[in-house]
Amino acid sequence: KIGVHAGPSIAVTLNDRLDYFGSMVNLAA
């Protein structure tokens, strides 16, 4: 099962890696 979305996000360091957060990320999931 695949979903794809795009938009603005925030890049942060989480668990020693680059990750992305924000409402766009939640909607993509």
mmCIF file of all heavy atoms, coordinates in Angstrom:
data_MODEL
# 
_entry.id   MODEL 
# 
loop_
_atom_site.group_PDB 
_atom_site.id 
_atom_site.type_symbol 
_atom_site.label_atom_id 
_atom_site.label_alt_id 
_atom_site.label_comp_id 
_atom_site.label_asym_id 
_atom_site.label_entity_id 
_atom_site.label_seq_id 
_atom_site.pdbx_PDB_ins_code 
_atom_site.Cartn_x 
_atom_site.Cartn_y 
_atom_site.Cartn_z 
_atom_site.occupancy 
_atom_site.B_iso_or_equiv 
_atom_site.pdbx_formal_charge 
_atom_site.auth_seq_id 
_atom_site.auth_comp_id 
_atom_site.auth_asym_id 
_atom_site.auth_atom_id 
_atom_site.pdbx_PDB_model_num 
ATOM 1   N N   . LYS A 1 1  ? 0.865  -1.186 0.000  1.00 0.00 ? 1  LYS A N   1 
ATOM 2   C CA  . LYS A 1 1  ? 0.000  0.000  0.000  1.00 0.00 ? 1  LYS A CA  1 
ATOM 3   C C   . LYS A 1 1  ? 0.904  1.240  0.000  1.00 0.00 ? 1  LYS A C   1 
ATOM 4   O O   . LYS A 1 1  ? 1.824  1.325  0.806  1.00 0.00 ? 1  LYS A O   1 
ATOM 5   C CB  . LYS A 1 1  ? -0.891 0.008  1.245  1.00 0.00 ? 1  LYS A CB  1 
ATOM 6   C CG  . LYS A 1 1  ? -1.794 -1.221 1.366  1.00 0.00 ? 1  LYS A CG  1 
ATOM 7   C CD  . LYS A 1 1  ? -2.725 -1.128 2.553  1.00 0.00 ? 1  LYS A CD  1 
ATOM 8   C CE  . LYS A 1 1  ? -1.989 -1.185 3.872  1.00 0.00 ? 1  LYS A CE  1 
ATOM 9   N NZ  . LYS A 1 1  ? -2.912 -1.148 5.040  1.00 0.00 ? 1  LYS A NZ  1 
ATOM 10  N N   . ILE A 1 2  ? 0.621  2.178  -0.904 1.00 0.00 ? 2  ILE A N   1 
ATOM 11  C CA  . ILE A 1 2  ? 1.491  3.349  -1.058 1.00 0.00 ? 2  ILE A CA  1 
ATOM 12  C C   . ILE A 1 2  ? 0.668  4.631  -1.076 1.00 0.00 ? 2  ILE A C   1 
ATOM 13  O O   . ILE A 1 2  ? -0.358 4.710  -1.750 1.00 0.00 ? 2  ILE A O   1 
ATOM 14  C CB  . ILE A 1 2  ? 2.334  3.269  -2.350 1.00 0.00 ? 2  ILE A CB  1 
ATOM 15  C CG1 . ILE A 1 2  ? 3.160  1.976  -2.392 1.00 0.00 ? 2  ILE A CG1 1 
ATOM 16  C CG2 . ILE A 1 2  ? 3.254  4.475  -2.468 1.00 0.00 ? 2  ILE A CG2 1 
ATOM 17  C CD1 . ILE A 1 2  ? 3.986  1.827  -3.649 1.00 0.00 ? 2  ILE A CD1 1 
ATOM 18  N N   . GLY A 1 3  ? 1.156  5.625  -0.344 1.00 0.00 ? 3  GLY A N   1 
ATOM 19  C CA  . GLY A 1 3  ? 0.611  6.973  -0.399 1.00 0.00 ? 3  GLY A CA  1 
ATOM 20  C C   . GLY A 1 3  ? 1.715  7.976  -0.631 1.00 0.00 ? 3  GLY A C   1 
ATOM 21  O O   . GLY A 1 3  ? 2.824  7.821  -0.112 1.00 0.00 ? 3  GLY A O   1 
ATOM 22  N N   . VAL A 1 4  ? 1.443  9.007  -1.418 1.00 0.00 ? 4  VAL A N   1 
ATOM 23  C CA  . VAL A 1 4  ? 2.445  10.020 -1.752 1.00 0.00 ? 4  VAL A CA  1 
ATOM 24  C C   . VAL A 1 4  ? 1.828  11.406 -1.588 1.00 0.00 ? 4  VAL A C   1 
ATOM 25  O O   . VAL A 1 4  ? 0.705  11.653 -2.019 1.00 0.00 ? 4  VAL A O   1 
ATOM 26  C CB  . VAL A 1 4  ? 2.967  9.866  -3.201 1.00 0.00 ? 4  VAL A CB  1 
ATOM 27  C CG1 . VAL A 1 4  ? 4.199  10.745 -3.414 1.00 0.00 ? 4  VAL A CG1 1 
ATOM 28  C CG2 . VAL A 1 4  ? 3.297  8.418  -3.522 1.00 0.00 ? 4  VAL A CG2 1 
ATOM 29  N N   . HIS A 1 5  ? 2.587  12.296 -0.960 1.00 0.00 ? 5  HIS A N   1 
ATOM 30  C CA  . HIS A 1 5  ? 2.128  13.662 -0.730 1.00 0.00 ? 5  HIS A CA  1 
ATOM 31  C C   . HIS A 1 5  ? 3.352  14.576 -0.725 1.00 0.00 ? 5  HIS A C   1 
ATOM 32  O O   . HIS A 1 5  ? 4.490  14.112 -0.521 1.00 0.00 ? 5  HIS A O   1 
ATOM 33  C CB  . HIS A 1 5  ? 1.383  13.742 0.607  1.00 0.00 ? 5  HIS A CB  1 
ATOM 34  C CG  . HIS A 1 5  ? 0.826  15.099 0.928  1.00 0.00 ? 5  HIS A CG  1 
ATOM 35  N ND1 . HIS A 1 5  ? 0.205  15.904 0.006  1.00 0.00 ? 5  HIS A ND1 1 
ATOM 36  C CD2 . HIS A 1 5  ? 0.808  15.805 2.114  1.00 0.00 ? 5  HIS A CD2 1 
ATOM 37  C CE1 . HIS A 1 5  ? -0.186 17.029 0.593  1.00 0.00 ? 5  HIS A CE1 1 
ATOM 38  N NE2 . HIS A 1 5  ? 0.177  16.996 1.861  1.00 0.00 ? 5  HIS A NE2 1 
ATOM 39  N N   . ALA A 1 6  ? 3.143  15.864 -0.957 1.00 0.00 ? 6  ALA A N   1 
ATOM 40  C CA  . ALA A 1 6  ? 4.244  16.824 -0.940 1.00 0.00 ? 6  ALA A CA  1 
ATOM 41  C C   . ALA A 1 6  ? 3.768  18.136 -0.337 1.00 0.00 ? 6  ALA A C   1 
ATOM 42  O O   . ALA A 1 6  ? 2.598  18.489 -0.411 1.00 0.00 ? 6  ALA A O   1 
ATOM 43  C CB  . ALA A 1 6  ? 4.794  17.055 -2.344 1.00 0.00 ? 6  ALA A CB  1 
ATOM 44  N N   . GLY A 1 7  ? 4.712  18.855 0.256  1.00 0.00 ? 7  GLY A N   1 
ATOM 45  C CA  . GLY A 1 7  ? 4.392  20.142 0.858  1.00 0.00 ? 7  GLY A CA  1 
ATOM 46  C C   . GLY A 1 7  ? 5.508  20.584 1.773  1.00 0.00 ? 7  GLY A C   1 
ATOM 47  O O   . GLY A 1 7  ? 6.571  19.972 1.842  1.00 0.00 ? 7  GLY A O   1 
ATOM 48  N N   . PRO A 1 8  ? 5.293  21.663 2.523  1.00 0.00 ? 8  PRO A N   1 
ATOM 49  C CA  . PRO A 1 8  ? 6.320  22.175 3.436  1.00 0.00 ? 8  PRO A CA  1 
ATOM 50  C C   . PRO A 1 8  ? 6.484  21.279 4.645  1.00 0.00 ? 8  PRO A C   1 
ATOM 51  O O   . PRO A 1 8  ? 5.554  20.627 5.097  1.00 0.00 ? 8  PRO A O   1 
ATOM 52  C CB  . PRO A 1 8  ? 5.787  23.553 3.835  1.00 0.00 ? 8  PRO A CB  1 
ATOM 53  C CG  . PRO A 1 8  ? 4.305  23.443 3.668  1.00 0.00 ? 8  PRO A CG  1 
ATOM 54  C CD  . PRO A 1 8  ? 4.091  22.512 2.510  1.00 0.00 ? 8  PRO A CD  1 
ATOM 55  N N   . SER A 1 9  ? 7.709  21.258 5.176  1.00 0.00 ? 9  SER A N   1 
ATOM 56  C CA  . SER A 1 9  ? 7.995  20.411 6.320  1.00 0.00 ? 9  SER A CA  1 
ATOM 57  C C   . SER A 1 9  ? 9.104  21.045 7.149  1.00 0.00 ? 9  SER A C   1 
ATOM 58  O O   . SER A 1 9  ? 9.654  22.085 6.780  1.00 0.00 ? 9  SER A O   1 
ATOM 59  C CB  . SER A 1 9  ? 8.422  19.010 5.853  1.00 0.00 ? 9  SER A CB  1 
ATOM 60  O OG  . SER A 1 9  ? 8.729  18.177 6.950  1.00 0.00 ? 9  SER A OG  1 
ATOM 61  N N   . ILE A 1 10 ? 9.423  20.413 8.267  1.00 0.00 ? 10 ILE A N   1 
ATOM 62  C CA  . ILE A 1 10 ? 10.524 20.837 9.124  1.00 0.00 ? 10 ILE A CA  1 
ATOM 63  C C   . ILE A 1 10 ? 11.502 19.676 9.235  1.00 0.00 ? 10 ILE A C   1 
ATOM 64  O O   . ILE A 1 10 ? 11.105 18.551 9.543  1.00 0.00 ? 10 ILE A O   1 
ATOM 65  C CB  . ILE A 1 10 ? 10.028 21.249 10.521 1.00 0.00 ? 10 ILE A CB  1 
ATOM 66  C CG1 . ILE A 1 10 ? 9.160  22.511 10.419 1.00 0.00 ? 10 ILE A CG1 1 
ATOM 67  C CG2 . ILE A 1 10 ? 11.207 21.506 11.449 1.00 0.00 ? 10 ILE A CG2 1 
ATOM 68  C CD1 . ILE A 1 10 ? 8.531  22.910 11.723 1.00 0.00 ? 10 ILE A CD1 1 
ATOM 69  N N   . ALA A 1 11 ? 12.776 19.940 8.944  1.00 0.00 ? 11 ALA A N   1 
ATOM 70  C CA  . ALA A 1 11 ? 13.819 18.926 9.095  1.00 0.00 ? 11 ALA A CA  1 
ATOM 71  C C   . ALA A 1 11 ? 14.429 19.068 10.477 1.00 0.00 ? 11 ALA A C   1 
ATOM 72  O O   . ALA A 1 11 ? 14.765 20.175 10.914 1.00 0.00 ? 11 ALA A O   1 
ATOM 73  C CB  . ALA A 1 11 ? 14.891 19.102 8.025  1.00 0.00 ? 11 ALA A CB  1 
ATOM 74  N N   . VAL A 1 12 ? 14.579 17.959 11.163 1.00 0.00 ? 12 VAL A N   1 
ATOM 75  C CA  . VAL A 1 12 ? 15.147 17.941 12.506 1.00 0.00 ? 12 VAL A CA  1 
ATOM 76  C C   . VAL A 1 12 ? 16.047 16.720 12.639 1.00 0.00 ? 12 VAL A C   1 
ATOM 77  O O   . VAL A 1 12 ? 16.051 15.835 11.782 1.00 0.00 ? 12 VAL A O   1 
ATOM 78  C CB  . VAL A 1 12 ? 14.046 17.890 13.600 1.00 0.00 ? 12 VAL A CB  1 
ATOM 79  C CG1 . VAL A 1 12 ? 13.133 19.098 13.512 1.00 0.00 ? 12 VAL A CG1 1 
ATOM 80  C CG2 . VAL A 1 12 ? 13.238 16.598 13.491 1.00 0.00 ? 12 VAL A CG2 1 
ATOM 81  N N   . THR A 1 13 ? 16.786 16.681 13.727 1.00 0.00 ? 13 THR A N   1 
ATOM 82  C CA  . THR A 1 13 ? 17.549 15.484 14.067 1.00 0.00 ? 13 THR A CA  1 
ATOM 83  C C   . THR A 1 13 ? 16.767 14.704 15.117 1.00 0.00 ? 13 THR A C   1 
ATOM 84  O O   . THR A 1 13 ? 16.426 15.247 16.168 1.00 0.00 ? 13 THR A O   1 
ATOM 85  C CB  . THR A 1 13 ? 18.937 15.848 14.615 1.00 0.00 ? 13 THR A CB  1 
ATOM 86  O OG1 . THR A 1 13 ? 19.676 16.499 13.577 1.00 0.00 ? 13 THR A OG1 1 
ATOM 87  C CG2 . THR A 1 13 ? 19.689 14.606 15.057 1.00 0.00 ? 13 THR A CG2 1 
ATOM 88  N N   . LEU A 1 14 ? 16.493 13.458 14.812 1.00 0.00 ? 14 LEU A N   1 
ATOM 89  C CA  . LEU A 1 14 ? 15.778 12.593 15.741 1.00 0.00 ? 14 LEU A CA  1 
ATOM 90  C C   . LEU A 1 14 ? 16.420 11.214 15.697 1.00 0.00 ? 14 LEU A C   1 
ATOM 91  O O   . LEU A 1 14 ? 16.614 10.644 14.620 1.00 0.00 ? 14 LEU A O   1 
ATOM 92  C CB  . LEU A 1 14 ? 14.290 12.496 15.367 1.00 0.00 ? 14 LEU A CB  1 
ATOM 93  C CG  . LEU A 1 14 ? 13.421 11.658 16.297 1.00 0.00 ? 14 LEU A CG  1 
ATOM 94  C CD1 . LEU A 1 14 ? 13.288 12.327 17.665 1.00 0.00 ? 14 LEU A CD1 1 
ATOM 95  C CD2 . LEU A 1 14 ? 12.035 11.430 15.698 1.00 0.00 ? 14 LEU A CD2 1 
ATOM 96  N N   . ASN A 1 15 ? 16.762 10.688 16.870 1.00 0.00 ? 15 ASN A N   1 
ATOM 97  C CA  . ASN A 1 15 ? 17.415 9.375  16.948 1.00 0.00 ? 15 ASN A CA  1 
ATOM 98  C C   . ASN A 1 15 ? 18.669 9.324  16.072 1.00 0.00 ? 15 ASN A C   1 
ATOM 99  O O   . ASN A 1 15 ? 18.910 8.348  15.360 1.00 0.00 ? 15 ASN A O   1 
ATOM 100 C CB  . ASN A 1 15 ? 16.436 8.264  16.554 1.00 0.00 ? 15 ASN A CB  1 
ATOM 101 C CG  . ASN A 1 15 ? 15.257 8.176  17.510 1.00 0.00 ? 15 ASN A CG  1 
ATOM 102 O OD1 . ASN A 1 15 ? 15.393 8.442  18.700 1.00 0.00 ? 15 ASN A OD1 1 
ATOM 103 N ND2 . ASN A 1 15 ? 14.090 7.833  16.973 1.00 0.00 ? 15 ASN A ND2 1 
ATOM 104 N N   . ASP A 1 16 ? 19.423 10.424 16.103 1.00 0.00 ? 16 ASP A N   1 
ATOM 105 C CA  . ASP A 1 16 ? 20.716 10.512 15.394 1.00 0.00 ? 16 ASP A CA  1 
ATOM 106 C C   . ASP A 1 16 ? 20.582 10.409 13.886 1.00 0.00 ? 16 ASP A C   1 
ATOM 107 O O   . ASP A 1 16 ? 21.505 9.950  13.196 1.00 0.00 ? 16 ASP A O   1 
ATOM 108 C CB  . ASP A 1 16 ? 21.683 9.431  15.900 1.00 0.00 ? 16 ASP A CB  1 
ATOM 109 C CG  . ASP A 1 16 ? 22.030 9.616  17.358 1.00 0.00 ? 16 ASP A CG  1 
ATOM 110 O OD1 . ASP A 1 16 ? 22.124 10.782 17.794 1.00 0.00 ? 16 ASP A OD1 1 
ATOM 111 O OD2 . ASP A 1 16 ? 22.196 8.596  18.063 1.00 0.00 ? 16 ASP A OD2 1 
ATOM 112 N N   . ARG A 1 17 ? 19.449 10.850 13.347 1.00 0.00 ? 17 ARG A N   1 
ATOM 113 C CA  . ARG A 1 17 ? 19.310 10.885 11.882 1.00 0.00 ? 17 ARG A CA  1 
ATOM 114 C C   . ARG A 1 17 ? 18.419 12.061 11.510 1.00 0.00 ? 17 ARG A C   1 
ATOM 115 O O   . ARG A 1 17 ? 17.633 12.563 12.320 1.00 0.00 ? 17 ARG A O   1 
ATOM 116 C CB  . ARG A 1 17 ? 18.714 9.577  11.348 1.00 0.00 ? 17 ARG A CB  1 
ATOM 117 C CG  . ARG A 1 17 ? 17.274 9.338  11.772 1.00 0.00 ? 17 ARG A CG  1 
ATOM 118 C CD  . ARG A 1 17 ? 16.600 8.248  10.945 1.00 0.00 ? 17 ARG A CD  1 
ATOM 119 N NE  . ARG A 1 17 ? 15.275 7.985  11.472 1.00 0.00 ? 17 ARG A NE  1 
ATOM 120 C CZ  . ARG A 1 17 ? 14.952 6.958  12.231 1.00 0.00 ? 17 ARG A CZ  1 
ATOM 121 N NH1 . ARG A 1 17 ? 15.871 6.055  12.547 1.00 0.00 ? 17 ARG A NH1 1 
ATOM 122 N NH2 . ARG A 1 17 ? 13.706 6.810  12.667 1.00 0.00 ? 17 ARG A NH2 1 
ATOM 123 N N   . LEU A 1 18 ? 18.530 12.498 10.254 1.00 0.00 ? 18 LEU A N   1 
ATOM 124 C CA  . LEU A 1 18 ? 17.672 13.551 9.748  1.00 0.00 ? 18 LEU A CA  1 
ATOM 125 C C   . LEU A 1 18 ? 16.274 13.004 9.527  1.00 0.00 ? 18 LEU A C   1 
ATOM 126 O O   . LEU A 1 18 ? 16.079 11.965 8.895  1.00 0.00 ? 18 LEU A O   1 
ATOM 127 C CB  . LEU A 1 18 ? 18.224 14.097 8.426  1.00 0.00 ? 18 LEU A CB  1 
ATOM 128 C CG  . LEU A 1 18 ? 19.381 15.082 8.518  1.00 0.00 ? 18 LEU A CG  1 
ATOM 129 C CD1 . LEU A 1 18 ? 19.896 15.414 7.130  1.00 0.00 ? 18 LEU A CD1 1 
ATOM 130 C CD2 . LEU A 1 18 ? 18.955 16.346 9.227  1.00 0.00 ? 18 LEU A CD2 1 
ATOM 131 N N   . ASP A 1 19 ? 15.288 13.723 10.038 1.00 0.00 ? 19 ASP A N   1 
ATOM 132 C CA  . ASP A 1 19 ? 13.899 13.299 9.902  1.00 0.00 ? 19 ASP A CA  1 
ATOM 133 C C   . ASP A 1 19 ? 13.050 14.512 9.568  1.00 0.00 ? 19 ASP A C   1 
ATOM 134 O O   . ASP A 1 19 ? 13.530 15.653 9.591  1.00 0.00 ? 19 ASP A O   1 
ATOM 135 C CB  . ASP A 1 19 ? 13.432 12.647 11.209 1.00 0.00 ? 19 ASP A CB  1 
ATOM 136 C CG  . ASP A 1 19 ? 12.311 11.641 10.987 1.00 0.00 ? 19 ASP A CG  1 
ATOM 137 O OD1 . ASP A 1 19 ? 11.633 11.742 9.941  1.00 0.00 ? 19 ASP A OD1 1 
ATOM 138 O OD2 . ASP A 1 19 ? 12.105 10.775 11.850 1.00 0.00 ? 19 ASP A OD2 1 
ATOM 139 N N   . TYR A 1 20 ? 11.779 14.258 9.246  1.00 0.00 ? 20 TYR A N   1 
ATOM 140 C CA  . TYR A 1 20 ? 10.880 15.333 8.849  1.00 0.00 ? 20 TYR A CA  1 
ATOM 141 C C   . TYR A 1 20 ? 9.620  15.285 9.700  1.00 0.00 ? 20 TYR A C   1 
ATOM 142 O O   . TYR A 1 20 ? 9.100  14.207 10.007 1.00 0.00 ? 20 TYR A O   1 
ATOM 143 C CB  . TYR A 1 20 ? 10.520 15.202 7.364  1.00 0.00 ? 20 TYR A CB  1 
ATOM 144 C CG  . TYR A 1 20 ? 11.736 15.226 6.470  1.00 0.00 ? 20 TYR A CG  1 
ATOM 145 C CD1 . TYR A 1 20 ? 12.312 14.036 6.028  1.00 0.00 ? 20 TYR A CD1 1 
ATOM 146 C CD2 . TYR A 1 20 ? 12.327 16.425 6.099  1.00 0.00 ? 20 TYR A CD2 1 
ATOM 147 C CE1 . TYR A 1 20 ? 13.444 14.053 5.232  1.00 0.00 ? 20 TYR A CE1 1 
ATOM 148 C CE2 . TYR A 1 20 ? 13.464 16.445 5.298  1.00 0.00 ? 20 TYR A CE2 1 
ATOM 149 C CZ  . TYR A 1 20 ? 14.014 15.260 4.870  1.00 0.00 ? 20 TYR A CZ  1 
ATOM 150 O OH  . TYR A 1 20 ? 15.131 15.274 4.081  1.00 0.00 ? 20 TYR A OH  1 
ATOM 151 N N   . PHE A 1 21 ? 9.138  16.487 10.065 1.00 0.00 ? 21 PHE A N   1 
ATOM 152 C CA  . PHE A 1 21 ? 7.953  16.584 10.897 1.00 0.00 ? 21 PHE A CA  1 
ATOM 153 C C   . PHE A 1 21 ? 7.054  17.696 10.382 1.00 0.00 ? 21 PHE A C   1 
ATOM 154 O O   . PHE A 1 21 ? 7.484  18.579 9.650  1.00 0.00 ? 21 PHE A O   1 
ATOM 155 C CB  . PHE A 1 21 ? 8.343  16.858 12.357 1.00 0.00 ? 21 PHE A CB  1 
ATOM 156 C CG  . PHE A 1 21 ? 8.759  15.625 13.095 1.00 0.00 ? 21 PHE A CG  1 
ATOM 157 C CD1 . PHE A 1 21 ? 10.073 15.182 13.036 1.00 0.00 ? 21 PHE A CD1 1 
ATOM 158 C CD2 . PHE A 1 21 ? 7.847  14.886 13.820 1.00 0.00 ? 21 PHE A CD2 1 
ATOM 159 C CE1 . PHE A 1 21 ? 10.464 14.039 13.697 1.00 0.00 ? 21 PHE A CE1 1 
ATOM 160 C CE2 . PHE A 1 21 ? 8.233  13.731 14.478 1.00 0.00 ? 21 PHE A CE2 1 
ATOM 161 C CZ  . PHE A 1 21 ? 9.541  13.311 14.424 1.00 0.00 ? 21 PHE A CZ  1 
ATOM 162 N N   . GLY A 1 22 ? 5.784  17.632 10.788 1.00 0.00 ? 22 GLY A N   1 
ATOM 163 C CA  . GLY A 1 22 ? 4.826  18.666 10.425 1.00 0.00 ? 22 GLY A CA  1 
ATOM 164 C C   . GLY A 1 22 ? 3.527  18.068 9.959  1.00 0.00 ? 22 GLY A C   1 
ATOM 165 O O   . GLY A 1 22 ? 3.381  16.844 9.788  1.00 0.00 ? 22 GLY A O   1 
ATOM 166 N N   . SER A 1 23 ? 2.541  18.924 9.736  1.00 0.00 ? 23 SER A N   1 
ATOM 167 C CA  . SER A 1 23 ? 1.209  18.449 9.332  1.00 0.00 ? 23 SER A CA  1 
ATOM 168 C C   . SER A 1 23 ? 1.258  17.769 7.975  1.00 0.00 ? 23 SER A C   1 
ATOM 169 O O   . SER A 1 23 ? 0.491  16.827 7.715  1.00 0.00 ? 23 SER A O   1 
ATOM 170 C CB  . SER A 1 23 ? 0.233  19.628 9.304  1.00 0.00 ? 23 SER A CB  1 
ATOM 171 O OG  . SER A 1 23 ? 0.698  20.650 8.428  1.00 0.00 ? 23 SER A OG  1 
ATOM 172 N N   . MET A 1 24 ? 2.158  18.214 7.094  1.00 0.00 ? 24 MET A N   1 
ATOM 173 C CA  . MET A 1 24 ? 2.278  17.561 5.790  1.00 0.00 ? 24 MET A CA  1 
ATOM 174 C C   . MET A 1 24 ? 2.708  16.112 5.947  1.00 0.00 ? 24 MET A C   1 
ATOM 175 O O   . MET A 1 24 ? 2.202  15.213 5.258  1.00 0.00 ? 24 MET A O   1 
ATOM 176 C CB  . MET A 1 24 ? 3.293  18.322 4.928  1.00 0.00 ? 24 MET A CB  1 
ATOM 177 C CG  . MET A 1 24 ? 3.399  17.821 3.475  1.00 0.00 ? 24 MET A CG  1 
ATOM 178 S SD  . MET A 1 24 ? 4.385  16.332 3.205  1.00 0.00 ? 24 MET A SD  1 
ATOM 179 C CE  . MET A 1 24 ? 6.009  16.947 3.521  1.00 0.00 ? 24 MET A CE  1 
ATOM 180 N N   . VAL A 1 25 ? 3.646  15.855 6.869  1.00 0.00 ? 25 VAL A N   1 
ATOM 181 C CA  . VAL A 1 25 ? 4.117  14.494 7.100  1.00 0.00 ? 25 VAL A CA  1 
ATOM 182 C C   . VAL A 1 25 ? 2.976  13.624 7.632  1.00 0.00 ? 25 VAL A C   1 
ATOM 183 O O   . VAL A 1 25 ? 2.782  12.483 7.197  1.00 0.00 ? 25 VAL A O   1 
ATOM 184 C CB  . VAL A 1 25 ? 5.306  14.500 8.076  1.00 0.00 ? 25 VAL A CB  1 
ATOM 185 C CG1 . VAL A 1 25 ? 5.830  13.077 8.296  1.00 0.00 ? 25 VAL A CG1 1 
ATOM 186 C CG2 . VAL A 1 25 ? 6.420  15.397 7.559  1.00 0.00 ? 25 VAL A CG2 1 
ATOM 187 N N   . ASN A 1 26 ? 2.218  14.172 8.568  1.00 0.00 ? 26 ASN A N   1 
ATOM 188 C CA  . ASN A 1 26 ? 1.084  13.426 9.120  1.00 0.00 ? 26 ASN A CA  1 
ATOM 189 C C   . ASN A 1 26 ? 0.073  13.096 8.039  1.00 0.00 ? 26 ASN A C   1 
ATOM 190 O O   . ASN A 1 26 ? -0.444 11.973 7.973  1.00 0.00 ? 26 ASN A O   1 
ATOM 191 C CB  . ASN A 1 26 ? 0.416  14.236 10.233 1.00 0.00 ? 26 ASN A CB  1 
ATOM 192 C CG  . ASN A 1 26 ? 1.319  14.417 11.440 1.00 0.00 ? 26 ASN A CG  1 
ATOM 193 O OD1 . ASN A 1 26 ? 2.207  13.607 11.690 1.00 0.00 ? 26 ASN A OD1 1 
ATOM 194 N ND2 . ASN A 1 26 ? 1.114  15.494 12.177 1.00 0.00 ? 26 ASN A ND2 1 
ATOM 195 N N   . LEU A 1 27 ? -0.217 14.066 7.158  1.00 0.00 ? 27 LEU A N   1 
ATOM 196 C CA  . LEU A 1 27 ? -1.190 13.816 6.099  1.00 0.00 ? 27 LEU A CA  1 
ATOM 197 C C   . LEU A 1 27 ? -0.668 12.775 5.114  1.00 0.00 ? 27 LEU A C   1 
ATOM 198 O O   . LEU A 1 27 ? -1.436 11.919 4.633  1.00 0.00 ? 27 LEU A O   1 
ATOM 199 C CB  . LEU A 1 27 ? -1.513 15.119 5.372  1.00 0.00 ? 27 LEU A CB  1 
ATOM 200 C CG  . LEU A 1 27 ? -2.547 15.024 4.233  1.00 0.00 ? 27 LEU A CG  1 
ATOM 201 C CD1 . LEU A 1 27 ? -3.843 14.397 4.716  1.00 0.00 ? 27 LEU A CD1 1 
ATOM 202 C CD2 . LEU A 1 27 ? -2.792 16.398 3.612  1.00 0.00 ? 27 LEU A CD2 1 
ATOM 203 N N   . ALA A 1 28 ? 0.625  12.806 4.812  1.00 0.00 ? 28 ALA A N   1 
ATOM 204 C CA  . ALA A 1 28 ? 1.197  11.809 3.899  1.00 0.00 ? 28 ALA A CA  1 
ATOM 205 C C   . ALA A 1 28 ? 1.004  10.405 4.455  1.00 0.00 ? 28 ALA A C   1 
ATOM 206 O O   . ALA A 1 28 ? 0.656  9.468  3.718  1.00 0.00 ? 28 ALA A O   1 
ATOM 207 C CB  . ALA A 1 28 ? 2.682  12.099 3.675  1.00 0.00 ? 28 ALA A CB  1 
ATOM 208 N N   . ALA A 1 29 ? 1.220  10.234 5.757  1.00 0.00 ? 29 ALA A N   1 
ATOM 209 C CA  . ALA A 1 29 ? 1.013  8.918  6.375  1.00 0.00 ? 29 ALA A CA  1 
ATOM 210 C C   . ALA A 1 29 ? -0.446 8.510  6.332  1.00 0.00 ? 29 ALA A C   1 
ATOM 211 O O   . ALA A 1 29 ? -0.780 7.338  6.096  1.00 0.00 ? 29 ALA A O   1 
ATOM 212 C CB  . ALA A 1 29 ? 1.520  8.950  7.817  1.00 0.00 ? 29 ALA A CB  1 
# 
